[in-house]
Amino acid sequence: MRIIVIGYGRVGARTARVLDEEGYDVVVVDNDREKVDRASETGLTVIHGDGVDESVLQEAGIADADAIGGITGDVAINHEICLLGQEHDCRTVLRISEDVSSERYEEYAAAADDVIYPQRLGAAGAKTALLGGSLNAIGDLTEALQLTTVTVDDDAPIVGKRVSEVDLPETARLYAHGHKRDPMTIPLPTTTIEAGDRLAVVIERDAVDEVTAILLGE
């Protein structure tokens, strides 16, 4: 799976590093030579250039890319990156700031499969937004722990079970539950999990795959 990360600032750098460590084919693009050199020193594949330049994106392999993230500090540039990504049938993720008006948000969101707020999500959220799916890392609590939300699919093995019947390993804890669009609250042991429900789980990084299999069957 090839993922293009455009913008090697704080969030982009951590996102690229986490994806690379997990074995994904990551290409970083940035127009700042110092950041390019820093990315190269970590062993990442990196291209010096403008992320909205079609020739630069071609060099980054956008023709074969599965996802592209506009993770620069400029929302307008991120929007343009996502529009280009759509033309190449990539999954698109757009970094946005909390001070964007609701009208502008609608315009920007239409160009992206997912929108991330680094103030809230950080690199963990950017990574899972790029990968897609029903499990979304909200943020890093510590170097070893991450807070994750899960949307329960129709065919998930936990559908119909009570919270007390969900057998998670010691490396994970279910802390909140919400029926579809209802706010998430601390669940009772007798709460029954239904398709479309949302769960908040704290997971040790090494246990993510195991917990995903238990909750979603993936």
Protein backbone atom coordinates (compact mmCIF):
# COMPACT_ATOMS: atom_id res chain seq x y z
CA MET A 1 0.00 0.00 0.00
CA ARG A 2 1.58 3.27 -1.14
CA ILE A 3 0.81 6.39 0.87
CA ILE A 4 1.97 9.89 -0.02
CA VAL A 5 2.38 12.29 2.90
CA ILE A 6 2.67 15.91 1.83
CA GLY A 7 4.06 18.13 4.54
CA TYR A 8 6.87 17.08 6.87
CA GLY A 9 6.06 19.24 9.86
CA ARG A 10 5.40 17.85 13.32
CA VAL A 11 2.25 15.89 12.39
CA GLY A 12 3.44 14.86 8.94
CA ALA A 13 6.78 13.62 10.25
CA ARG A 14 5.23 11.47 12.96
CA THR A 15 2.56 10.16 10.59
CA ALA A 16 5.15 9.16 7.98
CA ARG A 17 7.36 7.52 10.59
CA VAL A 18 4.54 5.45 12.12
CA LEU A 19 3.33 4.28 8.71
CA ASP A 20 6.88 3.40 7.66
CA GLU A 21 7.48 1.46 10.87
CA GLU A 22 4.32 -0.55 10.18
CA GLY A 23 5.63 -1.56 6.77
CA TYR A 24 3.71 0.72 4.42
CA ASP A 25 5.30 2.19 1.29
CA VAL A 26 5.53 5.84 2.32
CA VAL A 27 6.66 8.76 0.18
CA VAL A 28 7.11 12.19 1.76
CA VAL A 29 6.88 15.42 -0.23
CA ASP A 30 7.95 18.82 1.10
CA ASN A 31 9.23 22.04 -0.45
CA ASP A 32 11.48 22.88 2.50
CA ARG A 33 15.01 21.61 1.86
CA GLU A 34 15.82 21.38 5.57
CA LYS A 35 12.77 19.19 6.20
CA VAL A 36 13.59 17.06 3.17
CA ASP A 37 17.10 16.48 4.48
CA ARG A 38 15.72 15.61 7.91
CA ALA A 39 13.28 13.11 6.42
CA SER A 40 16.03 11.56 4.30
CA GLU A 41 18.17 11.03 7.39
CA THR A 42 15.43 8.82 8.88
CA GLY A 43 15.51 6.55 5.82
CA LEU A 44 12.19 7.70 4.37
CA THR A 45 11.66 8.08 0.65
CA VAL A 46 11.35 11.83 0.20
CA ILE A 47 10.93 14.24 -2.71
CA HIS A 48 11.79 17.91 -2.64
CA GLY A 49 9.06 19.84 -4.40
CA ASP A 50 5.65 21.46 -4.32
CA GLY A 51 2.89 19.06 -3.31
CA VAL A 52 0.42 20.66 -5.72
CA ASP A 53 2.76 20.27 -8.69
CA GLU A 54 1.51 17.43 -10.89
CA SER A 55 5.04 16.50 -11.99
CA VAL A 56 6.15 16.22 -8.35
CA LEU A 57 3.18 14.00 -7.56
CA GLN A 58 3.98 11.83 -10.56
CA GLU A 59 7.52 11.45 -9.24
CA ALA A 60 6.04 10.47 -5.86
CA GLY A 61 4.10 7.70 -7.59
CA ILE A 62 0.58 9.06 -7.37
CA ALA A 63 -0.47 6.89 -10.31
CA ASP A 64 -0.06 3.83 -8.07
CA ALA A 65 -0.81 5.43 -4.70
CA ASP A 66 -3.62 4.20 -2.49
CA ALA A 67 -3.84 7.33 -0.33
CA ILE A 68 -2.56 10.88 -0.18
CA GLY A 69 -2.58 13.23 2.77
CA GLY A 70 -2.44 17.00 2.59
CA ILE A 71 -0.89 17.53 6.03
CA THR A 72 0.81 20.89 5.54
CA GLY A 73 0.02 23.87 7.74
CA ASP A 74 -1.87 25.57 4.88
CA VAL A 75 -5.49 24.43 4.56
CA ALA A 76 -5.86 25.83 1.02
CA ILE A 77 -2.86 23.83 -0.17
CA ASN A 78 -4.17 20.70 1.55
CA HIS A 79 -7.48 21.22 -0.23
CA GLU A 80 -5.76 21.45 -3.61
CA ILE A 81 -3.72 18.33 -2.83
CA CYS A 82 -6.90 16.38 -2.12
CA LEU A 83 -8.53 17.58 -5.33
CA LEU A 84 -5.51 16.26 -7.24
CA GLY A 85 -5.69 13.02 -5.28
CA GLN A 86 -9.33 12.56 -6.27
CA GLU A 87 -8.33 12.78 -9.93
CA HIS A 88 -6.07 9.77 -9.36
CA ASP A 89 -8.67 7.77 -7.37
CA CYS A 90 -6.64 8.00 -4.15
CA ARG A 91 -8.06 8.02 -0.66
CA THR A 92 -7.66 11.65 0.41
CA VAL A 93 -7.05 13.08 3.88
CA LEU A 94 -7.08 16.80 4.57
CA ARG A 95 -5.53 18.53 7.56
CA ILE A 96 -7.64 21.44 8.74
CA SER A 97 -7.55 23.93 11.60
CA GLU A 98 -10.26 24.56 14.16
CA ASP A 99 -10.67 28.21 13.16
CA VAL A 100 -12.05 27.36 9.70
CA SER A 101 -15.64 28.56 9.25
CA SER A 102 -18.44 26.04 8.80
CA GLU A 103 -18.97 27.21 5.20
CA ARG A 104 -15.32 26.71 4.30
CA TYR A 105 -15.29 23.40 6.14
CA GLU A 106 -18.05 22.06 3.88
CA GLU A 107 -16.06 23.09 0.81
CA TYR A 108 -12.86 21.51 2.07
CA ALA A 109 -14.52 18.33 3.35
CA ALA A 110 -16.10 17.67 -0.06
CA ALA A 111 -12.60 17.15 -1.47
CA ALA A 112 -11.50 14.62 1.14
CA ASP A 113 -12.43 11.16 2.34
CA ASP A 114 -11.44 12.21 5.83
CA VAL A 115 -10.66 15.48 7.62
CA ILE A 116 -8.27 15.64 10.56
CA TYR A 117 -7.72 18.26 13.24
CA PRO A 118 -4.12 17.89 14.48
CA GLN A 119 -5.05 19.86 17.60
CA ARG A 120 -7.30 16.94 18.52
CA LEU A 121 -5.95 13.90 16.71
CA GLY A 122 -2.23 14.18 16.11
CA ALA A 123 -0.27 11.66 14.07
CA ALA A 124 -2.24 8.61 15.22
CA GLY A 125 -5.43 10.08 13.81
CA ALA A 126 -3.74 11.08 10.57
CA LYS A 127 -2.37 7.57 10.12
CA THR A 128 -5.70 5.82 10.56
CA ALA A 129 -7.49 8.38 8.42
CA LEU A 130 -5.09 7.57 5.58
CA LEU A 131 -5.59 3.84 6.03
CA GLY A 132 -9.38 4.05 6.38
CA GLY A 133 -11.55 1.43 8.06
CA SER A 134 -13.76 1.11 11.13
CA LEU A 135 -11.00 1.51 13.73
CA ASN A 136 -9.70 5.03 14.19
CA ALA A 137 -6.86 6.05 16.51
CA ILE A 138 -7.85 9.33 18.12
CA GLY A 139 -4.51 10.09 19.70
CA ASP A 140 -1.44 8.92 21.55
CA LEU A 141 -1.85 8.84 25.32
CA THR A 142 1.73 7.70 25.91
CA GLU A 143 4.44 6.14 23.77
CA ALA A 144 2.84 2.75 24.42
CA LEU A 145 -0.89 3.59 24.61
CA GLN A 146 -3.35 5.01 22.11
CA LEU A 147 -6.99 6.01 22.42
CA THR A 148 -9.03 4.43 19.65
CA THR A 149 -12.64 4.64 18.51
CA VAL A 150 -14.35 1.72 16.82
CA THR A 151 -17.50 1.75 14.71
CA VAL A 152 -19.16 -1.66 15.02
CA ASP A 153 -19.83 -3.19 11.60
CA ASP A 154 -22.97 -5.20 10.84
CA ASP A 155 -21.03 -8.46 10.77
CA ALA A 156 -18.72 -7.74 13.72
CA PRO A 157 -18.44 -10.69 16.13
CA ILE A 158 -19.40 -8.52 19.13
CA VAL A 159 -22.83 -7.56 17.76
CA GLY A 160 -25.47 -8.76 20.22
CA LYS A 161 -22.99 -9.24 23.06
CA ARG A 162 -23.10 -7.44 26.38
CA VAL A 163 -20.11 -5.29 27.27
CA SER A 164 -19.22 -7.76 30.03
CA GLU A 165 -19.02 -10.53 27.42
CA VAL A 166 -16.42 -8.78 25.25
CA ASP A 167 -13.23 -10.64 26.10
CA LEU A 168 -10.46 -8.10 25.60
CA PRO A 169 -6.84 -8.87 26.53
CA GLU A 170 -5.17 -7.18 29.50
CA THR A 171 -3.56 -4.78 27.03
CA ALA A 172 -6.89 -3.08 26.20
CA ARG A 173 -9.79 -1.48 28.05
CA LEU A 174 -13.24 -0.48 26.78
CA TYR A 175 -14.04 2.88 28.38
CA ALA A 176 -17.02 4.31 26.52
CA HIS A 177 -19.95 3.25 24.35
CA GLY A 178 -22.58 5.04 22.31
CA HIS A 179 -25.52 3.79 20.25
CA LYS A 180 -24.99 5.13 16.72
CA ARG A 181 -25.32 8.93 16.94
CA ASP A 182 -25.88 9.08 20.70
CA PRO A 183 -23.09 10.58 22.83
CA MET A 184 -20.64 8.03 24.21
CA THR A 185 -20.88 7.35 27.93
CA ILE A 186 -19.35 4.88 30.37
CA PRO A 187 -21.17 1.61 29.61
CA LEU A 188 -22.86 -0.70 32.07
CA PRO A 189 -21.74 -4.35 32.03
CA THR A 190 -25.23 -5.24 30.77
CA THR A 191 -25.15 -2.80 27.83
CA THR A 192 -25.79 -4.68 24.58
CA ILE A 193 -23.62 -3.78 21.60
CA GLU A 194 -25.44 -3.22 18.31
CA ALA A 195 -24.31 -2.67 14.73
CA GLY A 196 -23.44 0.98 14.18
CA ASP A 197 -22.49 1.55 17.83
CA ARG A 198 -19.27 3.36 18.69
CA LEU A 199 -16.74 2.26 21.27
CA ALA A 200 -13.78 4.04 22.83
CA VAL A 201 -10.91 1.73 23.69
CA VAL A 202 -7.46 2.31 25.15
CA ILE A 203 -5.02 -0.12 23.56
CA GLU A 204 -1.34 -0.87 23.89
CA ARG A 205 0.22 -0.41 20.45
CA ASP A 206 1.40 -4.01 20.19
CA ALA A 207 -2.15 -5.26 20.76
CA VAL A 208 -3.98 -3.28 18.07
CA ASP A 209 -4.24 -6.17 15.60
CA GLU A 210 -5.44 -8.58 18.29
CA VAL A 211 -8.08 -6.16 19.58
CA THR A 212 -9.23 -5.35 16.05
CA ALA A 213 -9.81 -9.05 15.41
CA ILE A 214 -11.84 -9.40 18.62
CA LEU A 215 -14.01 -6.34 18.00
CA LEU A 216 -14.36 -6.35 14.22
CA GLY A 217 -13.25 -9.79 13.10
CA GLU A 218 -10.68 -8.29 10.73
